[in-house]
Amino acid sequence: MTSLMEEIVQQPGVLGGLRKYYASPGAIPAKALRKQVKRWPPVVIFTGMGSSLFAAYPAQAYLTSQGIRALTWETAELLHHHLRVIGPDTLLVLVSQSGETIEATELVNALPRNRCFVAVVNVEESTLARRAGLLLPMMAGKQSAVTTKTYMCSVAVLMYLAFAIAQQDSHPVTQALRQLIEAQENLLDRQEELIPPTVEFFDHPTYTVMMSRGADLSSVYQGALTLKELARMGVEATSAAQFRHGPIEIVNVAHRYVIIARKDHLRPRGYANMTAKFLLGLAEEIRGHGGRVLLFTDLDVDEATNMRIVRVETARLGLGTLVDSIHIQLLAHDLALRAGFEPGKFWIAEEVTRVE
C-alpha cells in the first residue's frame, strides 16, 4: 500500500473523530464567534488557496440558502486586489492546512491589528492559529503533500461553523456526516470492484473537464486539483452552466467529461432535482456528440453508450464532496500508478507554499 493510499483509507476514521468533537456543546463557542464582528449576522468571507478554498463551497451554499451573505475568495486576490472589502461587519474565515501559507500570513499582516478573524487550521502551533480571534482545528492528523484528510476535515468544520453562524442546532450536520462516513467506508471496502472499470473507461484522455453546479463545485475544483497533482493530467474545472457558453464546442471523443449531478437539498422543496436534471441534459448532449462522460449521480439514470455511471450516495447539506472526492482520489491514485508516478509525491511544488 502506498503512503497516499494509507491516508486515503484513514479519512472515515479522522472524519468520525472530528464529528464527535464538533458535535459536543461549546465546540464553537457562540460568544467568542460573535466577538469577531461588530454586527450580526455578518457578511462571511471564506478565504484560502487550493483545497482550503474549495472546501468552503458547501458552507457558503448553506449560508446563502439561509439568507446570510457569504462569499468564497482566493486569498491572493483578496490580499492584493480586494482588501478594502473587509469591514467591521465582515466575518473573515481563513482556511489553511499548515497555518503558514504565504498569502494567508500576508493577509493577516495587512489587516488592522484590532481586526479579528476565524482560523481553520490543522497545525495548532502555526502563525494563523496563534493570531486568530477564534481557532477551529481541522484535527486531521499528519498530512503528506497531497491534500486528502485536511480537505475532508475542512469541509466538515466549515459546515459546523456555518450552522453556528446561522444560529442553528448542528444536529443535521452530525447526522449527515454519520451517513457519509458510512458511504466512505463502503466505497473503500469495495474499491477493487468499483474503481478499475472507471480507470479503464477514463484511460489516457488528451483533455479532461470536470463540471457541476452549486455546492458540488467543491468536488469539481478539488477533483481537478487531485488529478493534476497525482496523475499529472491537464484537467479543467468549470461550472456546467459556463461550459454551455462556448466551451461545449470542444467536445471530442478523445476527451473525458466528468459531471456530478446530485439532488440539491439546499434548494426549496420541489426543486431538489432541478439542477441535477440540467446536468443530466448536458451529459446526454455531450454523449450525443461523441464525448465520453463519467457521470456521478444519485438519480435513476439508464446506462448508455459513451457514458460510465457511478452511483453515489444522496447527500444532505451539499456535502456530497465527502464521498465524491474519495472516488476521484482512488481514480487518480490508480492512474498515477499506471503512468509510473509515485502517487502523492510532488516534483515541483512544496508542502507549504511560502513564495507568492
Foldseek 3Di string as FASTA:
>chain_A
DAPLVVLLLCQLVQLVVLLVQLLDPPLPPLVLQVVLADDPPAAEEQEEPALSQLLQQLLCLLLVLLVHHYYGDYLQCCQPPNVVVDDRRYAYEYEDAALQFASVVSSCVPDPLPRAYEYEYADCVHPNNVSHSHYNYLSQPDDAQQDDNSSLSSNLSSNSVSCSSSVHNCVVSSVLSVVVSVQSNVCVVCVVPPQPVVLVLQPAALEEEEEADGLCLSLRSNLQVQLCFFLVHHYHYDYPVVCVVPVLVVQDLRYEYEYEQEFAPSDPPPCRRVRSVVRVVSVVVSVVVNHAYEYEYCDDDDDDPSYDYDYADHGPSSSSSSRSNSSSNSSSNVSNVVVVHSGPDGDPDDSHHNDD
